[in-house]
Amino acid sequence: MIIHSAIFVKSSEKTSQCPSPSQLPEYAFAGRSNVGKSSLINMLTGFKGLSKVSGTPGKTKLANHFLINDQWYLVDLPGYGYAQASKKGREGFSKIITGYIQKRNELTLLFVLIDSRLEPQKIDLDFIYLLGEYGIPFALVFTKADKISASALKNSVSKFEQALMSTWEELPRIFTTSSTTRMGAKEVLDYIEEINNSLK
């Protein structure tokens, strides 16, 4: 897939404020704060600065909709699990994310971003378990792959797969990416295109 246009549509504090229901599929991106979500979105779309990149975890507090090629929505969801956010803030993040997951019928697939440098994190596994409870299709995207060796990356993905297999019979699609080298960009976009074609 080649992205020709990426247009910011709106930011929403709650699901009822999201763009009016349409026939267009939505692909949402979620992950722990500072996992590299904004950088990944900018890399995938090829539009630098489309999603705000911040060195401060927990900056994205709204669900941001971007219309891609006039054919589908990319949804940038707030980060979760930032320990230093206020209790009220953490509840707000949770409400926005869970509300979108539960109520947004247009959600076609949710990409869960995982920092490839870390051991499996309980909060990521809990979030994935939540997706299972709600029956939400998802894929895993390991970020920052350029920051570790190929063997360490393979080991990190393997450990996460093992952690998932304790509760999942079938593993989701898994992608390894780097916003610096553009690793994985084609694979992720081709997967979206594959799903879009299957919906026609």
Protein backbone atom coordinates (compact mmCIF):
# COMPACT_ATOMS: atom_id res chain seq x y z
CA MET A 1 0.00 0.00 0.00
CA ILE A 2 1.16 3.50 -0.86
CA ILE A 3 -0.22 6.32 1.29
CA HIS A 4 -1.05 9.38 -0.79
CA SER A 5 -2.95 11.39 1.80
CA ALA A 6 -3.28 11.48 5.58
CA ILE A 7 -5.70 14.07 6.92
CA PHE A 8 -6.32 14.85 10.58
CA VAL A 9 -10.07 14.70 11.16
CA LYS A 10 -10.63 15.26 14.88
CA SER A 11 -9.63 14.51 18.46
CA SER A 12 -12.15 12.93 20.79
CA GLU A 13 -12.27 12.84 24.57
CA LYS A 14 -14.90 10.10 24.55
CA THR A 15 -16.26 7.62 22.04
CA SER A 16 -19.47 9.57 21.40
CA GLN A 17 -17.34 12.42 20.02
CA CYS A 18 -15.61 10.25 17.41
CA PRO A 19 -16.40 10.90 13.72
CA SER A 20 -19.93 10.02 12.64
CA PRO A 21 -20.38 6.31 11.89
CA SER A 22 -19.33 5.44 8.36
CA GLN A 23 -18.58 2.46 6.17
CA LEU A 24 -14.85 3.10 6.49
CA PRO A 25 -12.76 0.64 8.52
CA GLU A 26 -10.71 1.91 11.46
CA TYR A 27 -7.28 0.67 12.49
CA ALA A 28 -6.34 1.78 15.98
CA PHE A 29 -2.86 1.93 17.53
CA ALA A 30 -2.40 1.52 21.27
CA GLY A 31 0.44 0.75 23.65
CA ARG A 32 2.24 1.72 26.82
CA SER A 33 3.21 5.36 27.12
CA ASN A 34 6.50 6.10 25.37
CA VAL A 35 6.41 2.88 23.32
CA GLY A 36 7.06 4.90 20.16
CA LYS A 37 3.49 5.07 18.87
CA SER A 38 3.61 8.57 17.39
CA SER A 39 6.93 7.87 15.68
CA LEU A 40 5.54 4.63 14.23
CA ILE A 41 2.41 6.38 12.89
CA ASN A 42 4.51 9.09 11.27
CA MET A 43 6.77 6.44 9.74
CA LEU A 44 3.87 4.39 8.38
CA THR A 45 2.11 7.35 6.80
CA GLY A 46 5.26 9.09 5.58
CA PHE A 47 3.97 12.39 6.94
CA LYS A 48 6.44 13.72 9.48
CA GLY A 49 4.69 15.38 12.38
CA LEU A 50 1.27 13.90 11.61
CA SER A 51 1.16 12.46 15.10
CA LYS A 52 2.88 14.57 17.75
CA VAL A 53 6.08 13.02 19.05
CA SER A 54 6.94 13.78 22.65
CA GLY A 55 9.71 12.74 24.99
CA THR A 56 7.20 13.01 27.83
CA PRO A 57 5.20 9.81 28.36
CA GLY A 58 1.43 10.17 28.57
CA LYS A 59 1.15 13.25 26.35
CA THR A 60 -1.54 11.87 24.04
CA LYS A 61 -4.78 12.04 26.00
CA LEU A 62 -7.36 11.90 23.22
CA ALA A 63 -8.37 9.50 20.46
CA ASN A 64 -7.10 11.09 17.23
CA HIS A 65 -8.65 10.13 13.89
CA PHE A 66 -6.71 10.47 10.62
CA LEU A 67 -8.33 9.75 7.25
CA ILE A 68 -5.93 7.76 5.06
CA ASN A 69 -6.27 7.80 1.24
CA ASP A 70 -9.97 8.66 1.74
CA GLN A 71 -10.43 4.93 2.37
CA TRP A 72 -9.79 4.15 6.03
CA TYR A 73 -9.15 5.72 9.41
CA LEU A 74 -5.98 5.45 11.44
CA VAL A 75 -6.79 6.02 15.11
CA ASP A 76 -4.08 7.12 17.53
CA LEU A 77 -5.23 6.10 21.02
CA PRO A 78 -3.74 7.43 24.27
CA GLY A 79 -0.89 5.56 25.88
CA TYR A 80 -1.63 3.45 28.94
CA GLY A 81 0.22 2.58 32.10
CA TYR A 82 2.26 5.70 32.75
CA ALA A 83 2.91 5.41 36.49
CA GLN A 84 3.57 9.11 37.07
CA ALA A 85 0.28 10.26 35.56
CA SER A 86 -2.21 11.38 38.16
CA LYS A 87 -4.77 8.83 39.34
CA LYS A 88 -7.47 10.91 37.68
CA GLY A 89 -5.41 11.01 34.49
CA ARG A 90 -4.88 7.25 34.46
CA GLU A 91 -8.61 6.71 34.89
CA GLY A 92 -9.22 9.10 32.00
CA PHE A 93 -6.85 7.22 29.72
CA SER A 94 -8.52 3.95 30.66
CA LYS A 95 -12.01 5.31 30.04
CA ILE A 96 -11.10 6.64 26.59
CA ILE A 97 -9.37 3.45 25.51
CA THR A 98 -11.88 0.97 26.92
CA GLY A 99 -14.81 3.06 25.72
CA TYR A 100 -13.46 3.10 22.18
CA ILE A 101 -12.73 -0.64 22.22
CA GLN A 102 -16.14 -1.54 23.60
CA LYS A 103 -18.37 0.84 21.68
CA ARG A 104 -16.72 1.75 18.36
CA ASN A 105 -18.28 -0.61 15.81
CA GLU A 106 -16.02 0.72 13.05
CA LEU A 107 -12.92 -0.67 14.79
CA THR A 108 -11.57 -3.29 12.38
CA LEU A 109 -8.23 -4.13 13.97
CA LEU A 110 -6.20 -2.87 16.91
CA PHE A 111 -2.42 -2.81 16.68
CA VAL A 112 -0.90 -3.30 20.14
CA LEU A 113 2.60 -1.81 20.28
CA ILE A 114 5.24 -3.55 22.38
CA ASP A 115 8.69 -2.19 23.23
CA SER A 116 11.00 -4.90 21.86
CA ARG A 117 13.71 -4.04 24.41
CA LEU A 118 11.62 -5.07 27.43
CA GLU A 119 10.65 -8.33 29.06
CA PRO A 120 6.91 -9.13 28.72
CA GLN A 121 5.08 -6.48 30.74
CA LYS A 122 2.04 -7.40 32.84
CA ILE A 123 0.14 -4.30 31.72
CA ASP A 124 0.54 -5.28 28.05
CA LEU A 125 -0.60 -8.83 28.74
CA ASP A 126 -3.57 -7.51 30.77
CA PHE A 127 -4.53 -5.18 27.92
CA ILE A 128 -4.39 -8.03 25.41
CA TYR A 129 -6.50 -10.16 27.75
CA LEU A 130 -9.04 -7.32 27.79
CA LEU A 131 -9.14 -7.38 23.98
CA GLY A 132 -9.87 -11.09 24.15
CA GLU A 133 -12.74 -10.48 26.55
CA TYR A 134 -14.26 -7.96 24.15
CA GLY A 135 -13.55 -10.07 21.08
CA ILE A 136 -11.41 -7.40 19.43
CA PRO A 137 -9.16 -8.53 16.54
CA PHE A 138 -5.59 -7.39 17.14
CA ALA A 139 -2.01 -7.68 15.95
CA LEU A 140 1.26 -7.11 17.80
CA VAL A 141 3.81 -4.56 16.66
CA PHE A 142 7.23 -4.72 18.31
CA THR A 143 8.79 -1.25 18.16
CA LYS A 144 12.35 0.10 18.38
CA ALA A 145 13.81 -3.03 16.77
CA ASP A 146 16.88 -1.07 15.68
CA LYS A 147 17.83 -0.51 19.33
CA ILE A 148 18.71 -4.17 19.95
CA SER A 149 20.51 -6.97 18.10
CA ALA A 150 18.68 -9.35 15.78
CA SER A 151 19.14 -12.22 18.24
CA ALA A 152 17.86 -10.13 21.15
CA LEU A 153 14.84 -9.12 19.06
CA LYS A 154 14.07 -12.72 18.21
CA ASN A 155 14.40 -13.68 21.87
CA SER A 156 12.13 -10.81 22.97
CA VAL A 157 9.38 -11.80 20.53
CA SER A 158 9.71 -15.45 21.53
CA LYS A 159 9.33 -14.62 25.25
CA PHE A 160 6.20 -12.61 24.52
CA GLU A 161 4.74 -15.42 22.43
CA GLN A 162 5.37 -17.85 25.27
CA ALA A 163 3.65 -15.51 27.73
CA LEU A 164 0.62 -15.28 25.45
CA MET A 165 0.39 -19.02 24.86
CA SER A 166 -0.54 -19.55 28.50
CA THR A 167 -3.94 -17.98 27.79
CA TRP A 168 -4.29 -17.95 23.97
CA GLU A 169 -4.79 -20.92 21.69
CA GLU A 170 -3.80 -19.00 18.57
CA LEU A 171 -1.22 -16.23 18.33
CA PRO A 172 -1.99 -12.98 16.48
CA ARG A 173 -0.04 -11.56 13.54
CA ILE A 174 3.28 -10.18 14.75
CA PHE A 175 5.33 -7.38 13.18
CA THR A 176 8.76 -6.03 14.09
CA THR A 177 9.33 -2.38 13.31
CA SER A 178 11.73 0.53 13.55
CA SER A 179 10.67 4.12 12.99
CA THR A 180 14.31 4.98 12.30
CA THR A 181 15.01 2.41 9.57
CA ARG A 182 11.39 1.94 8.35
CA MET A 183 11.63 -1.75 9.15
CA GLY A 184 8.18 -3.34 9.01
CA ALA A 185 6.38 -0.41 7.38
CA LYS A 186 5.54 -2.29 4.18
CA GLU A 187 4.43 -5.38 6.08
CA VAL A 188 2.03 -3.46 8.36
CA LEU A 189 0.55 -1.44 5.50
CA ASP A 190 0.20 -4.51 3.29
CA TYR A 191 -1.68 -6.26 6.11
CA ILE A 192 -4.09 -3.33 6.37
CA GLU A 193 -4.58 -3.41 2.60
CA GLU A 194 -5.19 -7.16 2.75
CA ILE A 195 -7.94 -6.69 5.33
CA ASN A 196 -9.48 -3.77 3.44
CA ASN A 197 -9.65 -5.88 0.28
CA SER A 198 -11.35 -8.69 2.20
CA LEU A 199 -14.05 -6.26 3.37
CA LYS A 200 -15.07 -5.25 -0.15
